[in-house]
């Protein structure tokens, strides 16, 4: 990976297979499963919230993955940390937004989008402040 290139992943705490989606649904109904990222993008709509479908184009640098769709190195890093937004750069992976930060968005995709852009801006030297929980965990391949 080029030292100036960064990649961003939004990783759900749910599997993308049909059985994974059904497990998550039953877990959500029973209160046994929680995924703040799922609430942001889909809520109860299996096709996704309209605001997410429209806005994800604006966040094209963000790759949305289910936990079982991750490349091996990313899966090893993210184990036990999901849901999360993770940045990959030449030095490895870092948590950009952890589960607690995602929960503070309270299912509001616009709040998520603003927080994500502020954190990315802070990383690339923008003058925006980086606020809220920010767990950093280094991982080199």
N, C-alpha and C. Protein backbone atom coordinates (compact mmCIF):
# COMPACT_ATOMS: atom_id res chain seq x y z
N UNK A 1 0.86 -1.19 0.00
CA UNK A 1 0.00 0.00 0.00
C UNK A 1 0.89 1.24 0.00
N UNK A 2 0.62 2.18 -0.86
CA UNK A 2 1.33 3.45 -0.95
C UNK A 2 1.27 4.14 0.41
N UNK A 3 2.39 4.75 0.84
CA UNK A 3 2.44 5.36 2.17
C UNK A 3 1.44 6.50 2.33
N UNK A 4 1.02 7.13 1.23
CA UNK A 4 0.06 8.22 1.33
C UNK A 4 -1.38 7.74 1.16
N UNK A 5 -1.56 6.50 0.76
CA UNK A 5 -2.90 5.97 0.50
C UNK A 5 -3.49 5.39 1.78
N UNK A 6 -4.74 5.71 2.02
CA UNK A 6 -5.47 5.15 3.16
C UNK A 6 -6.74 4.51 2.62
N UNK A 7 -7.15 3.44 3.29
CA UNK A 7 -8.41 2.80 2.93
C UNK A 7 -9.25 2.71 4.21
N UNK A 8 -10.55 2.89 4.06
CA UNK A 8 -11.45 2.89 5.21
C UNK A 8 -12.49 1.79 5.05
N UNK A 9 -12.73 1.07 6.15
CA UNK A 9 -13.69 -0.03 6.16
C UNK A 9 -14.71 0.19 7.26
N UNK A 10 -15.98 0.06 6.93
CA UNK A 10 -17.06 0.04 7.91
C UNK A 10 -17.46 -1.42 8.04
N UNK A 11 -17.22 -2.01 9.21
CA UNK A 11 -17.41 -3.45 9.36
C UNK A 11 -18.53 -3.72 10.35
N UNK A 12 -19.56 -4.40 9.86
CA UNK A 12 -20.70 -4.77 10.68
C UNK A 12 -20.34 -5.89 11.66
N UNK A 13 -21.00 -5.91 12.80
CA UNK A 13 -20.88 -7.01 13.74
C UNK A 13 -21.97 -8.04 13.42
N UNK A 14 -21.98 -8.48 12.18
CA UNK A 14 -22.97 -9.44 11.68
C UNK A 14 -22.39 -10.07 10.43
N UNK A 15 -22.82 -11.30 10.15
CA UNK A 15 -22.38 -11.99 8.95
C UNK A 15 -23.31 -11.66 7.79
N UNK A 16 -22.76 -11.66 6.58
CA UNK A 16 -23.53 -11.27 5.41
C UNK A 16 -24.31 -12.38 4.74
N UNK A 17 -24.10 -13.61 5.17
CA UNK A 17 -24.84 -14.72 4.56
C UNK A 17 -26.31 -14.65 4.99
N UNK A 18 -27.15 -15.38 4.30
CA UNK A 18 -28.57 -15.42 4.66
C UNK A 18 -28.74 -15.92 6.10
N UNK A 19 -28.02 -16.98 6.45
CA UNK A 19 -28.13 -17.49 7.83
C UNK A 19 -27.60 -16.47 8.83
N UNK A 20 -26.56 -15.74 8.46
CA UNK A 20 -26.03 -14.69 9.33
C UNK A 20 -27.03 -13.56 9.54
N UNK A 21 -27.70 -13.17 8.47
CA UNK A 21 -28.72 -12.12 8.56
C UNK A 21 -29.88 -12.58 9.44
N UNK A 22 -30.29 -13.84 9.29
CA UNK A 22 -31.38 -14.37 10.12
C UNK A 22 -30.97 -14.44 11.58
N UNK A 23 -29.72 -14.90 11.84
CA UNK A 23 -29.22 -14.93 13.23
C UNK A 23 -29.23 -13.54 13.85
N UNK A 24 -28.76 -12.55 13.06
CA UNK A 24 -28.74 -11.19 13.57
C UNK A 24 -30.16 -10.69 13.87
N UNK A 25 -31.09 -10.97 12.97
CA UNK A 25 -32.47 -10.54 13.17
C UNK A 25 -33.05 -11.12 14.46
N UNK A 26 -32.88 -12.43 14.65
CA UNK A 26 -33.39 -13.04 15.89
C UNK A 26 -32.67 -12.49 17.12
N UNK A 27 -31.37 -12.27 16.99
CA UNK A 27 -30.62 -11.68 18.10
C UNK A 27 -31.08 -10.27 18.41
N UNK A 28 -31.38 -9.52 17.36
CA UNK A 28 -31.87 -8.14 17.54
C UNK A 28 -33.23 -8.15 18.23
N UNK A 29 -34.10 -9.04 17.78
CA UNK A 29 -35.44 -9.14 18.38
C UNK A 29 -35.39 -9.55 19.85
N UNK A 30 -34.45 -10.43 20.18
CA UNK A 30 -34.36 -10.92 21.56
C UNK A 30 -33.49 -10.04 22.44
N UNK A 31 -32.78 -9.08 21.83
CA UNK A 31 -31.90 -8.21 22.60
C UNK A 31 -30.51 -8.81 22.80
N UNK A 32 -30.24 -9.95 22.17
CA UNK A 32 -28.95 -10.62 22.34
C UNK A 32 -27.88 -10.11 21.37
N UNK A 33 -28.28 -9.45 20.29
CA UNK A 33 -27.34 -8.93 19.29
C UNK A 33 -27.48 -7.42 19.16
N UNK A 34 -26.35 -6.79 18.97
CA UNK A 34 -26.35 -5.34 18.77
C UNK A 34 -25.29 -5.01 17.73
N UNK A 35 -25.63 -4.11 16.83
CA UNK A 35 -24.67 -3.63 15.85
C UNK A 35 -25.06 -2.20 15.50
N UNK A 36 -24.37 -1.24 16.10
CA UNK A 36 -24.68 0.17 15.88
C UNK A 36 -24.51 0.55 14.41
N UNK A 37 -23.59 -0.10 13.71
CA UNK A 37 -23.39 0.19 12.29
C UNK A 37 -24.57 -0.32 11.47
N UNK A 38 -25.13 -1.47 11.87
CA UNK A 38 -26.33 -2.00 11.20
C UNK A 38 -27.50 -1.03 11.37
N UNK A 39 -27.62 -0.46 12.56
CA UNK A 39 -28.69 0.50 12.82
C UNK A 39 -28.53 1.74 11.95
N UNK A 40 -27.29 2.17 11.74
CA UNK A 40 -27.04 3.35 10.92
C UNK A 40 -27.41 3.13 9.46
N UNK A 41 -27.04 1.99 8.93
CA UNK A 41 -27.23 1.78 7.50
C UNK A 41 -28.55 1.12 7.14
N UNK A 42 -29.09 0.27 8.02
CA UNK A 42 -30.28 -0.50 7.66
C UNK A 42 -31.46 -0.34 8.60
N UNK A 43 -31.22 -0.24 9.90
CA UNK A 43 -32.34 -0.25 10.84
C UNK A 43 -33.12 -1.54 10.66
N UNK A 44 -34.42 -1.44 10.47
CA UNK A 44 -35.26 -2.62 10.24
C UNK A 44 -35.46 -2.91 8.75
N UNK A 45 -34.92 -2.07 7.87
CA UNK A 45 -35.12 -2.22 6.43
C UNK A 45 -34.00 -3.08 5.83
N UNK A 46 -34.29 -4.28 5.33
CA UNK A 46 -33.24 -5.14 4.79
C UNK A 46 -32.54 -4.54 3.56
N UNK A 47 -33.17 -3.61 2.89
CA UNK A 47 -32.54 -2.96 1.74
C UNK A 47 -31.70 -1.75 2.13
N UNK A 48 -31.80 -1.35 3.37
CA UNK A 48 -31.04 -0.20 3.85
C UNK A 48 -31.89 1.05 3.91
N UNK A 49 -31.54 1.90 4.84
CA UNK A 49 -32.24 3.18 4.97
C UNK A 49 -31.99 4.02 3.72
N UNK A 50 -32.99 4.76 3.34
CA UNK A 50 -32.86 5.58 2.13
C UNK A 50 -31.70 6.57 2.25
N UNK A 51 -31.55 7.20 3.40
CA UNK A 51 -30.47 8.18 3.57
C UNK A 51 -29.11 7.51 3.42
N UNK A 52 -28.96 6.25 3.87
CA UNK A 52 -27.71 5.51 3.71
C UNK A 52 -27.47 5.18 2.24
N UNK A 53 -28.51 4.69 1.56
CA UNK A 53 -28.36 4.34 0.14
C UNK A 53 -27.95 5.56 -0.68
N UNK A 54 -28.51 6.73 -0.35
CA UNK A 54 -28.19 7.94 -1.09
C UNK A 54 -26.83 8.51 -0.71
N UNK A 55 -26.49 8.44 0.56
CA UNK A 55 -25.26 9.07 1.05
C UNK A 55 -24.02 8.23 0.88
N UNK A 56 -24.16 6.91 0.76
CA UNK A 56 -22.96 6.09 0.68
C UNK A 56 -22.14 6.38 -0.57
N UNK A 57 -22.78 6.94 -1.60
CA UNK A 57 -22.03 7.35 -2.79
C UNK A 57 -21.08 8.50 -2.45
N UNK A 58 -21.51 9.40 -1.57
CA UNK A 58 -20.67 10.52 -1.16
C UNK A 58 -19.49 10.03 -0.31
N UNK A 59 -19.67 8.89 0.33
CA UNK A 59 -18.61 8.30 1.15
C UNK A 59 -17.99 7.13 0.40
N UNK A 60 -17.68 7.32 -0.85
CA UNK A 60 -17.21 6.23 -1.69
C UNK A 60 -15.88 5.65 -1.22
N UNK A 61 -15.13 6.39 -0.41
CA UNK A 61 -13.87 5.87 0.10
C UNK A 61 -14.08 4.87 1.24
N UNK A 62 -15.31 4.69 1.68
CA UNK A 62 -15.64 3.79 2.78
C UNK A 62 -16.19 2.48 2.21
N UNK A 63 -15.50 1.38 2.49
CA UNK A 63 -15.90 0.05 2.03
C UNK A 63 -16.71 -0.60 3.15
N UNK A 64 -17.95 -0.98 2.85
CA UNK A 64 -18.85 -1.59 3.82
C UNK A 64 -18.73 -3.11 3.73
N UNK A 65 -18.40 -3.76 4.86
CA UNK A 65 -18.20 -5.20 4.90
C UNK A 65 -18.91 -5.82 6.09
N UNK A 66 -19.41 -7.03 5.90
CA UNK A 66 -19.88 -7.82 7.03
C UNK A 66 -18.66 -8.51 7.65
N UNK A 67 -18.79 -8.95 8.86
CA UNK A 67 -17.67 -9.55 9.59
C UNK A 67 -17.08 -10.74 8.82
N UNK A 68 -17.91 -11.54 8.14
CA UNK A 68 -17.41 -12.71 7.41
C UNK A 68 -16.90 -12.38 6.00
N UNK A 69 -16.89 -11.12 5.62
CA UNK A 69 -16.42 -10.71 4.30
C UNK A 69 -15.04 -10.04 4.34
N UNK A 70 -14.46 -9.94 5.51
CA UNK A 70 -13.18 -9.25 5.68
C UNK A 70 -12.00 -10.06 5.15
N UNK A 71 -11.00 -9.38 4.59
CA UNK A 71 -9.75 -10.07 4.29
C UNK A 71 -9.12 -10.57 5.61
N UNK A 72 -8.30 -11.60 5.52
CA UNK A 72 -7.75 -12.24 6.72
C UNK A 72 -7.03 -11.28 7.67
N UNK A 73 -6.19 -10.41 7.13
CA UNK A 73 -5.43 -9.49 8.00
C UNK A 73 -6.36 -8.54 8.75
N UNK A 74 -7.37 -8.04 8.06
CA UNK A 74 -8.34 -7.14 8.70
C UNK A 74 -9.15 -7.90 9.74
N UNK A 75 -9.54 -9.12 9.44
CA UNK A 75 -10.30 -9.95 10.40
C UNK A 75 -9.48 -10.19 11.66
N UNK A 76 -8.20 -10.48 11.50
CA UNK A 76 -7.33 -10.71 12.67
C UNK A 76 -7.25 -9.45 13.53
N UNK A 77 -7.17 -8.30 12.89
CA UNK A 77 -7.10 -7.04 13.64
C UNK A 77 -8.42 -6.72 14.34
N UNK A 78 -9.53 -6.92 13.66
CA UNK A 78 -10.83 -6.45 14.16
C UNK A 78 -11.50 -7.41 15.14
N UNK A 79 -10.94 -8.58 15.32
CA UNK A 79 -11.54 -9.59 16.20
C UNK A 79 -11.88 -8.98 17.56
N UNK A 80 -13.16 -9.05 17.94
CA UNK A 80 -13.61 -8.54 19.23
C UNK A 80 -13.84 -7.04 19.29
N UNK A 81 -13.66 -6.35 18.17
CA UNK A 81 -13.77 -4.88 18.16
C UNK A 81 -14.96 -4.37 17.37
N UNK A 82 -15.78 -5.25 16.85
CA UNK A 82 -16.85 -4.84 15.94
C UNK A 82 -18.14 -4.49 16.67
N UNK A 83 -18.95 -3.62 16.08
CA UNK A 83 -18.75 -2.95 14.80
C UNK A 83 -17.71 -1.85 14.93
N UNK A 84 -17.13 -1.48 13.81
CA UNK A 84 -16.11 -0.43 13.83
C UNK A 84 -15.88 0.11 12.43
N UNK A 85 -15.31 1.31 12.39
CA UNK A 85 -14.78 1.86 11.16
C UNK A 85 -13.27 1.84 11.34
N UNK A 86 -12.61 1.17 10.43
CA UNK A 86 -11.17 0.92 10.54
C UNK A 86 -10.45 1.53 9.35
N UNK A 87 -9.31 2.14 9.65
CA UNK A 87 -8.48 2.73 8.61
C UNK A 87 -7.28 1.83 8.40
N UNK A 88 -6.94 1.60 7.14
CA UNK A 88 -5.70 0.90 6.80
C UNK A 88 -4.78 1.89 6.12
N UNK A 89 -3.55 1.92 6.59
CA UNK A 89 -2.52 2.73 5.95
C UNK A 89 -1.24 1.91 5.93
N UNK A 90 -0.17 2.44 5.42
CA UNK A 90 1.07 1.69 5.26
C UNK A 90 1.54 1.06 6.57
N UNK A 91 1.33 1.75 7.69
CA UNK A 91 1.81 1.24 8.98
C UNK A 91 0.90 0.18 9.58
N UNK A 92 -0.28 -0.05 9.02
CA UNK A 92 -1.18 -1.07 9.53
C UNK A 92 -2.59 -0.54 9.68
N UNK A 93 -3.35 -1.17 10.57
CA UNK A 93 -4.75 -0.83 10.80
C UNK A 93 -4.90 0.00 12.06
N UNK A 94 -5.91 0.88 12.06
CA UNK A 94 -6.27 1.67 13.25
C UNK A 94 -7.78 1.79 13.31
N UNK A 95 -8.30 1.80 14.53
CA UNK A 95 -9.73 2.05 14.73
C UNK A 95 -9.97 3.54 14.55
N UNK A 96 -10.85 3.89 13.64
CA UNK A 96 -11.22 5.29 13.45
C UNK A 96 -12.47 5.62 14.26
N UNK A 97 -13.43 4.70 14.27
CA UNK A 97 -14.66 4.85 15.05
C UNK A 97 -14.97 3.49 15.67
N UNK A 98 -14.98 3.43 17.00
CA UNK A 98 -15.27 2.17 17.67
C UNK A 98 -16.77 2.02 17.93
N UNK A 99 -17.16 0.90 18.53
CA UNK A 99 -18.58 0.61 18.76
C UNK A 99 -19.24 1.69 19.62
N UNK A 100 -18.54 2.18 20.63
CA UNK A 100 -19.11 3.23 21.49
C UNK A 100 -19.36 4.51 20.70
N UNK A 101 -18.44 4.88 19.86
CA UNK A 101 -18.61 6.07 19.01
C UNK A 101 -19.79 5.87 18.06
N UNK A 102 -19.89 4.69 17.47
CA UNK A 102 -21.00 4.42 16.55
C UNK A 102 -22.34 4.46 17.27
N UNK A 103 -22.38 4.00 18.53
CA UNK A 103 -23.63 4.06 19.30
C UNK A 103 -24.06 5.50 19.55
N UNK A 104 -23.10 6.41 19.71
CA UNK A 104 -23.46 7.82 19.96
C UNK A 104 -24.14 8.46 18.75
N UNK A 105 -24.02 7.85 17.58
CA UNK A 105 -24.71 8.35 16.40
C UNK A 105 -26.20 8.06 16.48
N UNK A 106 -26.60 7.16 17.36
CA UNK A 106 -28.02 6.84 17.63
C UNK A 106 -28.82 6.52 16.37
N UNK A 107 -28.19 5.80 15.43
CA UNK A 107 -28.90 5.41 14.22
C UNK A 107 -29.08 6.52 13.20
N UNK A 108 -28.49 7.68 13.42
CA UNK A 108 -28.63 8.83 12.52
C UNK A 108 -27.44 8.85 11.56
N UNK A 109 -27.70 8.51 10.29
CA UNK A 109 -26.61 8.41 9.33
C UNK A 109 -25.93 9.75 9.10
N UNK A 110 -26.65 10.84 9.15
CA UNK A 110 -26.04 12.16 8.94
C UNK A 110 -25.04 12.48 10.06
N UNK A 111 -25.36 12.08 11.29
CA UNK A 111 -24.42 12.27 12.41
C UNK A 111 -23.17 11.43 12.16
N UNK A 112 -23.38 10.19 11.74
CA UNK A 112 -22.26 9.30 11.41
C UNK A 112 -21.38 9.93 10.33
N UNK A 113 -22.00 10.38 9.26
CA UNK A 113 -21.27 10.96 8.14
C UNK A 113 -20.42 12.16 8.60
N UNK A 114 -21.00 13.03 9.40
CA UNK A 114 -20.26 14.20 9.90
C UNK A 114 -19.07 13.78 10.77
N UNK A 115 -19.29 12.81 11.64
CA UNK A 115 -18.22 12.34 12.52
C UNK A 115 -17.12 11.65 11.72
N UNK A 116 -17.51 10.82 10.77
CA UNK A 116 -16.53 10.14 9.93
C UNK A 116 -15.67 11.16 9.17
N UNK A 117 -16.32 12.12 8.52
CA UNK A 117 -15.58 13.13 7.75
C UNK A 117 -14.69 13.99 8.64
N UNK A 118 -15.16 14.30 9.84
CA UNK A 118 -14.33 15.08 10.78
C UNK A 118 -13.08 14.30 11.17
N UNK A 119 -13.24 13.01 11.43
CA UNK A 119 -12.10 12.18 11.83
C UNK A 119 -11.13 11.98 10.67
N UNK A 120 -11.64 11.78 9.48
CA UNK A 120 -10.77 11.67 8.31
C UNK A 120 -10.05 13.00 8.09
N UNK A 121 -10.79 14.10 8.22
CA UNK A 121 -10.18 15.42 8.07
C UNK A 121 -9.06 15.65 9.06
N UNK A 122 -9.24 15.21 10.29
CA UNK A 122 -8.21 15.35 11.31
C UNK A 122 -6.97 14.54 10.95
N UNK A 123 -7.17 13.39 10.34
CA UNK A 123 -6.04 12.54 9.97
C UNK A 123 -5.22 13.11 8.83
N UNK A 124 -5.87 13.81 7.93
CA UNK A 124 -5.13 14.33 6.77
C UNK A 124 -4.69 15.77 6.97
N UNK A 125 -4.71 16.22 8.22
CA UNK A 125 -4.18 17.53 8.54
C UNK A 125 -5.18 18.66 8.47
N UNK A 126 -6.46 18.32 8.32
CA UNK A 126 -7.50 19.33 8.32
C UNK A 126 -7.58 19.95 9.71
N UNK A 127 -8.16 21.11 9.83
CA UNK A 127 -8.24 21.79 11.12
C UNK A 127 -9.41 21.32 11.97
N UNK A 128 -10.21 20.35 11.47
CA UNK A 128 -11.34 19.85 12.25
C UNK A 128 -10.84 19.08 13.47
N UNK A 129 -11.51 19.27 14.60
CA UNK A 129 -11.11 18.58 15.82
C UNK A 129 -11.61 17.14 15.80
N UNK A 130 -10.80 16.27 16.37
CA UNK A 130 -11.18 14.87 16.53
C UNK A 130 -11.77 14.71 17.91
N UNK A 131 -13.08 14.44 17.97
CA UNK A 131 -13.77 14.36 19.25
C UNK A 131 -14.32 12.97 19.47
N UNK A 132 -14.65 12.67 20.71
CA UNK A 132 -15.30 11.41 21.05
C UNK A 132 -14.29 10.30 21.23
N UNK A 133 -14.80 9.10 21.53
CA UNK A 133 -13.91 7.97 21.76
C UNK A 133 -13.14 7.63 20.50
N UNK A 134 -11.87 7.37 20.65
CA UNK A 134 -11.05 6.99 19.52
C UNK A 134 -10.02 5.97 19.99
N UNK A 135 -10.36 4.73 19.86
CA UNK A 135 -9.48 3.66 20.26
C UNK A 135 -8.51 3.41 19.13
N UNK A 136 -7.24 3.34 19.43
CA UNK A 136 -6.24 3.03 18.42
C UNK A 136 -5.56 1.74 18.81
N UNK A 137 -5.51 0.83 17.86
CA UNK A 137 -4.86 -0.46 18.08
C UNK A 137 -4.03 -0.72 16.85
N UNK A 138 -2.72 -0.76 16.98
CA UNK A 138 -1.84 -0.96 15.85
C UNK A 138 -1.81 -2.43 15.47
N UNK A 139 -1.64 -2.70 14.17
CA UNK A 139 -1.54 -4.07 13.69
C UNK A 139 -0.79 -4.03 12.38
N UNK A 140 0.30 -4.72 12.30
CA UNK A 140 1.07 -4.81 11.07
C UNK A 140 0.94 -6.19 10.49
N UNK A 141 0.81 -6.26 9.18
CA UNK A 141 0.65 -7.56 8.52
C UNK A 141 1.95 -8.32 8.55
